[in-house]
Amino acid sequence: MDIFALGTAAEGFFAGIVHPSVFAAVSWSCCSISMVLLNKLILSTFSFEFNMVLLFYQNTICVISLLLAREMGLIKFESLEISKVKYWLPLNVLFVLMLATGTYSLQSVSVPMVTVFKNSNNILITLLDFVIYRNKVSSGVVASLLTMLLAAVLAAKNDIEFDFNGYTWTSLNCACTAAFVLYMPAAMSQTQLSSFGKVYYNNVISIPLIVALDVLAFGDFLKFYQSDLSDISIQLQIILFMSGIAGFALSLSSFRCMQKTSPTTYSLLGSLNKIPLTLFGTWLFKTSLSYDGILYISLSLFAGVVFAYTKAMSNKKKQDQVSKQIILPSNVKQTKPAINMG
């Protein structure tokens, strides 16, 4: 039995209540939202100042969970190979920088504004995708991106809890995220790793990189060692452990969701997730928002959903055009294409 079989069993249990694809989508959404809220809780509410220690702990928990699952025969993935590591290493450097800047951003910036900036990542990614790979986009995508940009600028201008350092970290996080996303196809084509292999490589290689980055720039491990560890309450220890498990669950639920839903649905869910995340983040952390701020954050979230849908429809149209250009030999009998019900 593998871990996806366990997921199928869970879906079967809830079969009378929800459709399997809905179960997979809701599971991924819950894990995604929980991960952000748990990190915000650790970094802001509990004022845990050792960001690099947090990343080291979460990635270690994920690696241990993956190895245990493989030993139990629940999942399969490739072991480390030097030939693959050298191609994956640049991507992993970007991965660590993305995680690090993300935690410092989340520490100082409210959850609603973090979601606005996450939406704005699409602007930079799309622009660089055009510059580097010459991938053109439709007018609908351009319109949604311009709306996101306008909404982000106006939301930041009306942010009552504006923090310059936090916005600097958030901007750096956008740049690192864009670089990570754009370099990923090249790394994947060179390594041909399985889904769980990618998660394993990302997390296990990131552990020494996190330590190296901390020694060079932050010094969190030394500060953590010199601090009074008795100040770390049992409640915080439980939440720290939950965040590590949430990271592992997020990886599993993400793959399950991609398997059970279409790319369009998966993309839309990523944008729709930001709506409950914004609401929960505002409520749980008592975020102060002006009426104008609420308006522009809502506009950004709406533009994000429109972008995801428009981009997905544009990609589908391109695929359909390519399919129509394929001409079968005259001696080959054309058959009715199978319909994928998944």
Protein backbone atom coordinates (compact mmCIF):
# COMPACT_ATOMS: atom_id res chain seq x y z
CA MET A 1 0.00 0.00 0.00
CA ASP A 2 1.34 3.48 -0.85
CA ILE A 3 0.41 6.82 0.66
CA PHE A 4 -1.91 7.64 -2.22
CA ALA A 5 -3.76 4.41 -1.45
CA LEU A 6 -4.27 5.73 2.08
CA GLY A 7 -5.64 8.90 0.53
CA THR A 8 -8.02 6.84 -1.58
CA ALA A 9 -9.19 5.00 1.54
CA ALA A 10 -9.87 8.33 3.24
CA GLU A 11 -11.76 9.54 0.19
CA GLY A 12 -13.77 6.32 0.22
CA PHE A 13 -14.71 6.95 3.86
CA PHE A 14 -16.08 10.37 2.92
CA ALA A 15 -17.50 9.19 -0.42
CA GLY A 16 -21.06 9.58 0.81
CA ILE A 17 -20.38 13.17 1.79
CA VAL A 18 -18.04 14.69 -0.82
CA HIS A 19 -16.62 13.78 -4.22
CA PRO A 20 -12.98 12.49 -4.14
CA SER A 21 -11.73 15.47 -6.16
CA VAL A 22 -13.47 17.86 -3.75
CA PHE A 23 -11.91 16.02 -0.79
CA ALA A 24 -8.44 16.32 -2.36
CA ALA A 25 -8.95 20.02 -3.12
CA VAL A 26 -10.23 20.85 0.37
CA SER A 27 -7.36 18.90 1.97
CA TRP A 28 -4.77 20.83 -0.01
CA SER A 29 -6.47 24.16 0.71
CA CYS A 30 -6.59 23.45 4.45
CA CYS A 31 -2.91 22.43 4.55
CA SER A 32 -1.86 25.47 2.52
CA ILE A 33 -3.77 27.92 4.71
CA SER A 34 -2.68 26.20 7.93
CA MET A 35 1.01 26.40 6.98
CA VAL A 36 0.92 30.18 6.55
CA LEU A 37 -1.14 30.78 9.69
CA LEU A 38 1.07 28.52 11.83
CA ASN A 39 4.22 30.31 10.67
CA LYS A 40 2.61 33.70 11.32
CA LEU A 41 1.59 32.50 14.78
CA ILE A 42 5.13 31.31 15.57
CA LEU A 43 6.92 34.37 14.23
CA SER A 44 4.54 37.13 15.34
CA THR A 45 2.32 36.01 18.22
CA PHE A 46 5.02 33.98 19.98
CA SER A 47 7.77 36.35 18.75
CA PHE A 48 10.04 33.46 17.78
CA GLU A 49 13.03 35.41 16.45
CA PHE A 50 15.11 32.53 15.09
CA ASN A 51 13.78 32.27 11.55
CA MET A 52 16.59 30.10 10.22
CA VAL A 53 16.21 27.70 13.13
CA LEU A 54 12.51 27.44 12.28
CA LEU A 55 13.28 26.60 8.64
CA PHE A 56 15.93 24.07 9.66
CA TYR A 57 13.46 22.39 12.04
CA GLN A 58 10.59 22.28 9.53
CA ASN A 59 12.74 20.93 6.70
CA THR A 60 14.27 18.30 8.99
CA ILE A 61 10.81 17.15 10.08
CA CYS A 62 9.78 16.87 6.42
CA VAL A 63 12.89 14.83 5.50
CA ILE A 64 12.42 12.47 8.47
CA SER A 65 8.72 12.04 7.58
CA LEU A 66 9.60 11.24 3.95
CA LEU A 67 12.24 8.69 4.94
CA LEU A 68 9.92 7.01 7.46
CA ALA A 69 7.13 6.84 4.87
CA ARG A 70 9.54 5.26 2.36
CA GLU A 71 10.77 2.73 4.90
CA MET A 72 7.16 1.76 5.65
CA GLY A 73 6.55 1.27 1.92
CA LEU A 74 4.02 4.10 1.73
CA ILE A 75 5.88 6.12 -0.89
CA LYS A 76 8.78 5.76 -3.31
CA PHE A 77 11.39 8.31 -4.35
CA GLU A 78 14.98 8.52 -5.54
CA SER A 79 17.97 8.63 -3.21
CA LEU A 80 20.52 11.41 -3.51
CA GLU A 81 22.79 11.19 -6.54
CA ILE A 82 25.69 13.60 -7.02
CA SER A 83 24.99 13.88 -10.76
CA LYS A 84 21.45 15.08 -10.00
CA VAL A 85 22.40 17.20 -6.99
CA LYS A 86 24.67 19.45 -9.07
CA TYR A 87 21.75 20.30 -11.38
CA TRP A 88 19.30 20.70 -8.48
CA LEU A 89 21.64 22.79 -6.29
CA PRO A 90 21.05 26.19 -7.99
CA LEU A 91 17.30 25.65 -7.66
CA ASN A 92 17.75 24.73 -4.02
CA VAL A 93 19.72 27.90 -3.32
CA LEU A 94 16.75 29.85 -4.68
CA PHE A 95 14.41 27.64 -2.63
CA VAL A 96 16.22 28.48 0.61
CA LEU A 97 16.35 32.20 -0.23
CA MET A 98 12.62 32.06 -1.01
CA LEU A 99 11.84 30.39 2.32
CA ALA A 100 14.10 32.70 4.33
CA THR A 101 12.80 35.95 2.85
CA GLY A 102 9.27 34.58 3.18
CA THR A 103 9.60 34.09 6.95
CA TYR A 104 11.07 37.56 7.51
CA SER A 105 8.28 39.00 5.37
CA LEU A 106 5.58 37.14 7.30
CA GLN A 107 7.14 38.25 10.58
CA SER A 108 6.58 41.94 9.88
CA VAL A 109 3.80 42.17 7.27
CA SER A 110 0.13 41.36 7.86
CA VAL A 111 -1.37 38.23 6.29
CA PRO A 112 -3.71 40.22 3.99
CA MET A 113 -0.78 42.21 2.56
CA VAL A 114 1.32 39.04 2.19
CA THR A 115 -1.45 37.56 0.03
CA VAL A 116 -1.50 40.74 -2.08
CA PHE A 117 2.23 40.47 -2.70
CA LYS A 118 1.94 36.74 -3.44
CA ASN A 119 -0.53 37.72 -6.15
CA SER A 120 1.94 40.30 -7.41
CA ASN A 121 4.50 37.52 -7.93
CA ASN A 122 2.50 36.65 -11.04
CA ILE A 123 3.41 40.03 -12.58
CA LEU A 124 7.16 39.50 -12.21
CA ILE A 125 7.00 35.83 -13.24
CA THR A 126 4.95 36.59 -16.36
CA LEU A 127 7.24 39.49 -17.34
CA LEU A 128 10.44 37.45 -16.91
CA ASP A 129 8.82 34.46 -18.61
CA PHE A 130 8.26 36.66 -21.67
CA VAL A 131 11.77 38.18 -21.56
CA ILE A 132 13.60 34.86 -21.06
CA TYR A 133 11.40 32.30 -22.83
CA ARG A 134 9.41 34.60 -25.15
CA ASN A 135 6.13 33.14 -23.89
CA LYS A 136 3.38 35.56 -24.92
CA VAL A 137 0.15 36.04 -22.95
CA SER A 138 -3.38 37.04 -23.89
CA SER A 139 -4.87 40.50 -23.43
CA GLY A 140 -7.05 39.12 -20.62
CA VAL A 141 -3.97 38.01 -18.69
CA VAL A 142 -2.34 41.43 -19.20
CA ALA A 143 -5.48 43.19 -17.96
CA SER A 144 -5.65 41.06 -14.80
CA LEU A 145 -1.93 41.64 -14.13
CA LEU A 146 -2.30 45.41 -14.47
CA THR A 147 -5.27 45.27 -12.09
CA MET A 148 -3.16 43.31 -9.59
CA LEU A 149 -0.34 45.84 -9.86
CA LEU A 150 -2.67 48.80 -9.31
CA ALA A 151 -4.39 47.07 -6.39
CA ALA A 152 -1.04 46.16 -4.77
CA VAL A 153 0.27 49.74 -4.97
CA LEU A 154 -2.95 51.23 -3.58
CA ALA A 155 -3.25 48.55 -0.86
CA ALA A 156 0.34 49.22 0.26
CA LYS A 157 -0.34 52.98 0.27
CA ASN A 158 -3.34 52.40 2.56
CA ASP A 159 -1.67 49.84 4.82
CA ILE A 160 -2.15 51.06 8.40
CA GLU A 161 0.47 48.58 9.68
CA PHE A 162 3.07 49.53 7.03
CA ASP A 163 6.57 48.32 7.94
CA PHE A 164 9.48 49.34 5.67
CA ASN A 165 11.70 46.38 6.63
CA GLY A 166 8.80 43.99 6.15
CA TYR A 167 8.05 45.37 2.69
CA THR A 168 11.74 45.11 1.78
CA TRP A 169 11.77 41.43 2.75
CA THR A 170 8.51 40.91 0.87
CA SER A 171 9.97 42.46 -2.30
CA LEU A 172 13.03 40.24 -2.02
CA ASN A 173 10.73 37.25 -1.52
CA CYS A 174 8.88 38.10 -4.75
CA ALA A 175 12.19 38.22 -6.65
CA CYS A 176 13.40 34.91 -5.18
CA THR A 177 10.05 33.22 -5.84
CA ALA A 178 10.02 34.36 -9.46
CA ALA A 179 13.59 33.11 -9.99
CA PHE A 180 12.70 29.78 -8.36
CA VAL A 181 9.61 29.26 -10.52
CA LEU A 182 11.38 30.20 -13.75
CA TYR A 183 14.47 28.04 -13.11
CA MET A 184 12.45 25.00 -12.00
CA PRO A 185 11.67 23.64 -15.52
CA ALA A 186 15.39 23.56 -16.36
CA ALA A 187 16.25 21.73 -13.14
CA MET A 188 13.43 19.21 -13.61
CA SER A 189 14.42 18.45 -17.19
CA GLN A 190 18.01 17.70 -16.10
CA THR A 191 17.11 15.44 -13.17
CA GLN A 192 13.79 13.74 -14.10
CA LEU A 193 12.86 13.31 -10.44
CA SER A 194 9.53 11.92 -9.28
CA SER A 195 7.11 14.13 -7.35
CA PHE A 196 8.28 12.94 -3.94
CA GLY A 197 11.86 12.97 -5.20
CA LYS A 198 11.58 16.70 -5.81
CA VAL A 199 10.28 17.28 -2.28
CA TYR A 200 13.06 15.10 -0.84
CA TYR A 201 15.84 16.79 -2.83
CA ASN A 202 14.47 20.25 -2.01
CA ASN A 203 14.34 19.63 1.71
CA VAL A 204 17.43 17.48 2.31
CA ILE A 205 19.78 19.71 0.26
CA SER A 206 18.30 22.83 1.85
CA ILE A 207 19.35 21.77 5.37
CA PRO A 208 23.12 22.47 4.97
CA LEU A 209 22.29 25.52 2.83
CA ILE A 210 20.14 26.95 5.64
CA VAL A 211 23.02 26.50 8.08
CA ALA A 212 25.48 28.11 5.64
CA LEU A 213 23.18 31.09 5.00
CA ASP A 214 22.66 31.56 8.72
CA VAL A 215 26.42 31.54 9.42
CA LEU A 216 27.02 34.08 6.62
CA ALA A 217 24.12 36.45 7.23
CA PHE A 218 21.88 35.91 10.25
CA GLY A 219 23.50 34.09 13.18
CA ASP A 220 20.19 32.65 14.39
CA PHE A 221 21.67 29.31 15.48
CA LEU A 222 24.22 31.02 17.73
CA LYS A 223 21.55 33.33 19.18
CA PHE A 224 19.27 30.35 19.74
CA TYR A 225 22.06 28.42 21.50
CA GLN A 226 22.81 31.39 23.75
CA SER A 227 19.16 32.10 24.54
CA ASP A 228 17.19 30.82 27.51
CA LEU A 229 15.47 27.76 26.04
CA SER A 230 13.18 27.58 29.06
CA ASP A 231 11.33 30.53 27.51
CA ILE A 232 10.04 28.20 24.79
CA SER A 233 6.70 27.13 26.21
CA ILE A 234 5.10 23.74 25.74
CA GLN A 235 2.44 25.45 23.63
CA LEU A 236 5.05 26.88 21.27
CA GLN A 237 6.82 23.50 21.05
CA ILE A 238 3.53 21.86 20.02
CA ILE A 239 2.88 24.53 17.38
CA LEU A 240 6.45 24.18 16.06
CA PHE A 241 5.93 20.44 15.66
CA MET A 242 2.55 21.01 14.01
CA SER A 243 4.18 23.37 11.50
CA GLY A 244 6.70 20.69 10.55
CA ILE A 245 3.97 18.11 10.02
CA ALA A 246 1.89 20.69 8.14
CA GLY A 247 4.75 21.20 5.70
CA PHE A 248 4.91 17.46 5.02
CA ALA A 249 1.11 17.22 4.72
CA LEU A 250 1.11 20.18 2.32
CA SER A 251 3.47 18.34 -0.05
CA LEU A 252 1.36 15.18 0.00
CA SER A 253 -1.99 16.95 -0.39
CA SER A 254 -0.58 19.10 -3.20
CA PHE A 255 0.34 16.03 -5.27
CA ARG A 256 -2.99 14.39 -4.48
CA CYS A 257 -4.86 17.49 -5.56
CA MET A 258 -2.91 17.67 -8.85
CA GLN A 259 -3.70 14.00 -9.44
CA LYS A 260 -7.43 14.32 -8.74
CA THR A 261 -8.17 17.69 -10.37
CA SER A 262 -7.36 19.44 -13.64
CA PRO A 263 -4.54 22.00 -14.00
CA THR A 264 -7.18 24.72 -14.33
CA THR A 265 -8.83 23.71 -11.06
CA TYR A 266 -5.48 23.48 -9.28
CA SER A 267 -4.47 26.94 -10.50
CA LEU A 268 -7.80 28.47 -9.49
CA LEU A 269 -7.60 26.87 -6.05
CA GLY A 270 -4.23 28.50 -5.52
CA SER A 271 -5.85 31.90 -6.06
CA LEU A 272 -9.07 31.09 -4.19
CA ASN A 273 -7.06 29.89 -1.18
CA LYS A 274 -5.93 33.46 -0.61
CA ILE A 275 -9.48 34.58 0.17
CA PRO A 276 -10.06 32.45 3.33
CA LEU A 277 -6.37 32.95 4.21
CA THR A 278 -6.89 36.71 4.18
CA LEU A 279 -10.08 36.45 6.24
CA PHE A 280 -8.60 34.08 8.82
CA GLY A 281 -5.36 36.06 9.00
CA THR A 282 -7.23 39.32 9.57
CA TRP A 283 -9.39 37.78 12.29
CA LEU A 284 -6.80 35.68 14.12
CA PHE A 285 -4.10 38.36 14.25
CA LYS A 286 -6.50 41.30 14.69
CA THR A 287 -5.13 43.12 11.65
CA SER A 288 -6.04 46.79 11.40
CA LEU A 289 -7.35 47.65 7.93
CA SER A 290 -8.77 50.87 6.52
CA TYR A 291 -11.86 50.78 4.31
CA ASP A 292 -9.72 51.68 1.30
CA GLY A 293 -7.25 48.94 2.26
CA ILE A 294 -10.04 46.36 2.37
CA LEU A 295 -11.26 47.52 -1.05
CA TYR A 296 -7.85 47.25 -2.72
CA ILE A 297 -7.00 43.91 -1.08
CA SER A 298 -10.34 42.54 -2.33
CA LEU A 299 -9.56 43.89 -5.81
CA SER A 300 -6.16 42.17 -5.76
CA LEU A 301 -7.70 38.85 -4.71
CA PHE A 302 -10.37 39.13 -7.43
CA ALA A 303 -7.73 39.96 -10.05
CA GLY A 304 -5.72 36.93 -8.90
CA VAL A 305 -8.66 34.60 -9.52
CA VAL A 306 -9.31 36.19 -12.93
CA PHE A 307 -5.61 35.83 -13.80
CA ALA A 308 -5.54 32.12 -12.87
CA TYR A 309 -8.68 31.39 -14.90
CA THR A 310 -7.64 33.48 -17.92
CA LYS A 311 -4.13 31.99 -17.97
CA ALA A 312 -5.52 28.46 -17.74
CA MET A 313 -7.99 29.09 -20.57
CA SER A 314 -5.23 30.64 -22.68
CA ASN A 315 -2.99 27.61 -22.16
CA LYS A 316 -5.86 25.26 -23.03
CA LYS A 317 -6.51 27.20 -26.25
CA LYS A 318 -2.85 26.91 -27.25
CA GLN A 319 -2.90 23.15 -26.58
CA ASP A 320 -6.06 22.76 -28.67
CA GLN A 321 -4.44 24.64 -31.56
CA VAL A 322 -1.39 22.39 -31.41
CA SER A 323 -3.61 19.30 -31.38
CA LYS A 324 -5.46 20.48 -34.49
CA GLN A 325 -2.17 20.88 -36.35
CA ILE A 326 -1.33 17.20 -35.90
CA ILE A 327 -2.21 15.36 -39.13
CA LEU A 328 -2.50 11.62 -38.95
CA PRO A 329 -1.19 9.49 -41.88
CA SER A 330 -3.94 8.52 -44.32
CA ASN A 331 -3.42 4.81 -43.64
CA VAL A 332 -3.98 5.24 -39.91
CA LYS A 333 -7.56 4.88 -38.80
CA GLN A 334 -8.69 7.82 -36.69
CA THR A 335 -10.44 6.86 -33.50
CA LYS A 336 -12.55 8.83 -31.12
CA PRO A 337 -10.35 10.23 -28.35
CA ALA A 338 -10.84 8.85 -24.88
CA ILE A 339 -12.47 11.14 -22.37
CA ASN A 340 -10.55 11.69 -19.16
CA MET A 341 -13.11 11.74 -16.41
CA GLY A 342 -10.48 12.59 -13.79
